[in-house]
């Protein structure tokens, strides 16, 4: 069942304010557990982890920046 526009907005807000900081701490601890690495390898690993957090939640962020498609509109097509 697809989420409503309002549910996606709330979910994306929670993901950005709670989920992302938690993921950052986990990613930093994961890289720290791997030990000393060359800086280039660390950079590539951080870039990969930076993209990896968003891939499973891509569907959550789709269309959130647009106007609500279910909002009532007036005769001219503007939202009320």
N, C-alpha and C. Protein backbone atom coordinates (compact mmCIF):
# COMPACT_ATOMS: atom_id res chain seq x y z
N UNK A 1 0.84 -1.17 0.00
CA UNK A 1 0.00 0.00 0.00
C UNK A 1 0.89 1.24 0.00
N UNK A 2 0.73 2.13 -0.98
CA UNK A 2 1.56 3.33 -1.03
C UNK A 2 1.22 4.29 0.11
N UNK A 3 2.24 4.98 0.58
CA UNK A 3 2.05 5.96 1.64
C UNK A 3 1.43 7.23 1.09
N UNK A 4 0.67 7.90 1.91
CA UNK A 4 0.10 9.18 1.52
C UNK A 4 1.20 10.23 1.48
N UNK A 5 0.87 11.35 0.88
CA UNK A 5 1.83 12.45 0.78
C UNK A 5 2.26 12.92 2.17
N UNK A 6 1.29 13.06 3.07
CA UNK A 6 1.59 13.53 4.42
C UNK A 6 2.46 12.52 5.17
N UNK A 7 2.19 11.24 5.01
CA UNK A 7 2.99 10.21 5.67
C UNK A 7 4.42 10.20 5.14
N UNK A 8 4.59 10.39 3.82
CA UNK A 8 5.93 10.45 3.26
C UNK A 8 6.69 11.67 3.77
N UNK A 9 5.99 12.81 3.92
CA UNK A 9 6.66 14.02 4.45
C UNK A 9 7.12 13.80 5.88
N UNK A 10 6.26 13.21 6.71
CA UNK A 10 6.62 12.94 8.11
C UNK A 10 7.75 11.92 8.17
N UNK A 11 7.65 10.87 7.37
CA UNK A 11 8.69 9.85 7.35
C UNK A 11 10.03 10.38 6.91
N UNK A 12 10.03 11.22 5.89
CA UNK A 12 11.30 11.78 5.42
C UNK A 12 11.89 12.74 6.45
N UNK A 13 11.04 13.48 7.15
CA UNK A 13 11.54 14.37 8.20
C UNK A 13 12.17 13.57 9.33
N UNK A 14 11.51 12.49 9.75
CA UNK A 14 12.08 11.63 10.79
C UNK A 14 13.37 10.98 10.33
N UNK A 15 13.41 10.56 9.08
CA UNK A 15 14.61 9.92 8.56
C UNK A 15 15.79 10.89 8.57
N UNK A 16 15.54 12.15 8.20
CA UNK A 16 16.62 13.12 8.14
C UNK A 16 17.05 13.62 9.51
N UNK A 17 16.11 13.70 10.47
CA UNK A 17 16.46 14.25 11.78
C UNK A 17 16.91 13.19 12.79
N UNK A 18 16.45 11.96 12.62
CA UNK A 18 16.80 10.91 13.57
C UNK A 18 17.65 9.83 12.90
N UNK A 19 17.17 9.31 11.79
CA UNK A 19 17.84 8.19 11.14
C UNK A 19 19.22 8.52 10.59
N UNK A 20 19.35 9.66 9.95
CA UNK A 20 20.64 10.02 9.35
C UNK A 20 21.73 10.24 10.41
N UNK A 21 21.48 10.97 11.51
CA UNK A 21 22.53 11.08 12.53
C UNK A 21 22.93 9.73 13.14
N UNK A 22 21.96 8.86 13.34
CA UNK A 22 22.28 7.52 13.87
C UNK A 22 23.14 6.77 12.86
N UNK A 23 22.78 6.84 11.58
CA UNK A 23 23.56 6.17 10.54
C UNK A 23 24.97 6.73 10.47
N UNK A 24 25.14 8.03 10.63
CA UNK A 24 26.47 8.63 10.58
C UNK A 24 27.35 8.08 11.70
N UNK A 25 26.79 8.00 12.90
CA UNK A 25 27.56 7.46 14.04
C UNK A 25 27.93 6.00 13.79
N UNK A 26 26.99 5.21 13.27
CA UNK A 26 27.28 3.81 12.97
C UNK A 26 28.33 3.68 11.87
N UNK A 27 28.26 4.52 10.84
CA UNK A 27 29.25 4.47 9.76
C UNK A 27 30.63 4.85 10.27
N UNK A 28 30.71 5.87 11.10
CA UNK A 28 32.01 6.27 11.66
C UNK A 28 32.61 5.15 12.52
N UNK A 29 31.77 4.51 13.33
CA UNK A 29 32.26 3.40 14.16
C UNK A 29 32.68 2.21 13.30
N UNK A 30 31.95 1.94 12.21
CA UNK A 30 32.31 0.85 11.31
C UNK A 30 33.68 1.09 10.68
N UNK A 31 33.91 2.29 10.19
CA UNK A 31 35.20 2.60 9.56
C UNK A 31 36.32 2.57 10.60
N UNK A 32 36.02 2.99 11.81
CA UNK A 32 37.02 2.95 12.88
C UNK A 32 37.40 1.51 13.23
N UNK A 33 36.43 0.60 13.17
CA UNK A 33 36.71 -0.81 13.45
C UNK A 33 37.64 -1.44 12.42
N UNK A 34 37.62 -0.93 11.21
CA UNK A 34 38.46 -1.48 10.15
C UNK A 34 39.93 -1.16 10.35
N UNK A 35 40.24 -0.22 11.19
CA UNK A 35 41.63 0.12 11.48
C UNK A 35 42.19 1.16 10.53
N UNK A 36 43.53 1.28 10.56
CA UNK A 36 44.21 2.27 9.73
C UNK A 36 44.16 1.88 8.26
N UNK A 37 43.76 2.83 7.45
CA UNK A 37 43.70 2.63 6.00
C UNK A 37 44.29 3.87 5.35
N UNK A 38 44.70 3.74 4.12
CA UNK A 38 45.13 4.95 3.39
C UNK A 38 43.96 5.92 3.27
N UNK A 39 44.27 7.19 3.23
CA UNK A 39 43.23 8.24 3.20
C UNK A 39 42.33 8.11 1.96
N UNK A 40 42.89 7.69 0.85
CA UNK A 40 42.10 7.55 -0.37
C UNK A 40 41.05 6.45 -0.19
N UNK A 41 41.44 5.34 0.42
CA UNK A 41 40.50 4.24 0.66
C UNK A 41 39.41 4.69 1.62
N UNK A 42 39.79 5.42 2.66
CA UNK A 42 38.80 5.95 3.61
C UNK A 42 37.82 6.88 2.90
N UNK A 43 38.32 7.74 2.03
CA UNK A 43 37.47 8.67 1.30
C UNK A 43 36.47 7.92 0.43
N UNK A 44 36.94 6.91 -0.30
CA UNK A 44 36.05 6.11 -1.15
C UNK A 44 35.02 5.39 -0.30
N UNK A 45 35.41 4.87 0.83
CA UNK A 45 34.50 4.16 1.72
C UNK A 45 33.43 5.11 2.27
N UNK A 46 33.83 6.30 2.68
CA UNK A 46 32.85 7.27 3.18
C UNK A 46 31.90 7.74 2.09
N UNK A 47 32.39 7.90 0.87
CA UNK A 47 31.51 8.28 -0.24
C UNK A 47 30.50 7.17 -0.51
N UNK A 48 30.97 5.93 -0.52
CA UNK A 48 30.06 4.79 -0.74
C UNK A 48 29.03 4.69 0.38
N UNK A 49 29.44 4.86 1.62
CA UNK A 49 28.49 4.81 2.73
C UNK A 49 27.53 6.00 2.69
N UNK A 50 28.01 7.13 2.19
CA UNK A 50 27.14 8.31 2.07
C UNK A 50 26.01 8.09 1.07
N UNK A 51 26.27 7.38 0.00
CA UNK A 51 25.22 7.07 -0.98
C UNK A 51 24.36 5.91 -0.50
N UNK A 52 24.96 4.97 0.22
CA UNK A 52 24.26 3.73 0.60
C UNK A 52 23.10 3.98 1.55
N UNK A 53 23.16 5.01 2.37
CA UNK A 53 22.06 5.21 3.33
C UNK A 53 20.77 5.61 2.63
N UNK A 54 20.89 6.30 1.51
CA UNK A 54 19.70 6.83 0.83
C UNK A 54 19.04 5.82 -0.11
N UNK A 55 19.78 4.85 -0.59
CA UNK A 55 19.22 3.92 -1.57
C UNK A 55 17.97 3.18 -1.08
N UNK A 56 17.96 2.64 0.13
CA UNK A 56 16.75 1.94 0.56
C UNK A 56 15.56 2.87 0.80
N UNK A 57 15.81 4.15 1.01
CA UNK A 57 14.74 5.09 1.35
C UNK A 57 14.41 6.04 0.21
N UNK A 58 14.88 5.72 -0.97
CA UNK A 58 14.64 6.56 -2.14
C UNK A 58 13.15 6.79 -2.36
N UNK A 59 12.34 5.77 -2.19
CA UNK A 59 10.89 5.86 -2.38
C UNK A 59 10.24 6.81 -1.39
N UNK A 60 10.85 6.95 -0.21
CA UNK A 60 10.28 7.81 0.83
C UNK A 60 10.40 9.28 0.46
N UNK A 61 11.47 9.64 -0.24
CA UNK A 61 11.73 11.04 -0.55
C UNK A 61 11.13 11.49 -1.88
N UNK A 62 10.63 10.57 -2.68
CA UNK A 62 10.10 10.94 -4.00
C UNK A 62 8.88 11.83 -3.88
N UNK A 63 8.94 12.98 -4.50
CA UNK A 63 7.80 13.88 -4.56
C UNK A 63 7.54 14.70 -3.31
N UNK A 64 8.38 14.62 -2.30
CA UNK A 64 8.13 15.35 -1.05
C UNK A 64 8.29 16.85 -1.23
N UNK A 65 9.15 17.28 -2.13
CA UNK A 65 9.37 18.70 -2.35
C UNK A 65 8.32 19.36 -3.23
N UNK A 66 7.46 18.57 -3.81
CA UNK A 66 6.42 19.11 -4.68
C UNK A 66 5.17 19.43 -3.88
N UNK A 67 4.24 20.08 -4.53
CA UNK A 67 2.95 20.38 -3.88
C UNK A 67 2.17 19.09 -3.66
N UNK A 68 1.30 19.11 -2.67
CA UNK A 68 0.48 17.95 -2.34
C UNK A 68 -0.45 17.63 -3.51
N UNK A 69 -0.33 16.43 -4.09
CA UNK A 69 -1.18 16.11 -5.24
C UNK A 69 -2.65 15.90 -4.85
N UNK A 70 -2.92 15.65 -3.59
CA UNK A 70 -4.30 15.42 -3.14
C UNK A 70 -4.96 16.67 -2.58
N UNK A 71 -4.25 17.79 -2.57
CA UNK A 71 -4.81 19.02 -2.01
C UNK A 71 -5.93 19.54 -2.91
N UNK A 72 -6.98 20.11 -2.30
CA UNK A 72 -8.06 20.67 -3.13
C UNK A 72 -7.55 21.88 -3.91
N UNK A 73 -8.04 22.04 -5.13
CA UNK A 73 -7.62 23.12 -6.00
C UNK A 73 -8.83 23.95 -6.40
N UNK A 74 -8.58 25.23 -6.69
CA UNK A 74 -9.67 26.09 -7.16
C UNK A 74 -9.81 25.96 -8.67
N UNK A 75 -10.65 26.76 -9.27
CA UNK A 75 -10.94 26.65 -10.70
C UNK A 75 -9.73 26.93 -11.58
N UNK A 76 -8.77 27.72 -11.09
CA UNK A 76 -7.60 28.08 -11.87
C UNK A 76 -6.46 27.09 -11.70
N UNK A 77 -6.64 26.07 -10.86
CA UNK A 77 -5.60 25.07 -10.65
C UNK A 77 -4.67 25.38 -9.50
N UNK A 78 -4.94 26.44 -8.76
CA UNK A 78 -4.11 26.80 -7.61
C UNK A 78 -4.63 26.11 -6.37
N UNK A 79 -3.69 25.80 -5.45
CA UNK A 79 -4.10 25.19 -4.18
C UNK A 79 -4.84 26.20 -3.32
N UNK A 80 -5.76 25.70 -2.53
CA UNK A 80 -6.48 26.58 -1.60
C UNK A 80 -5.77 26.66 -0.29
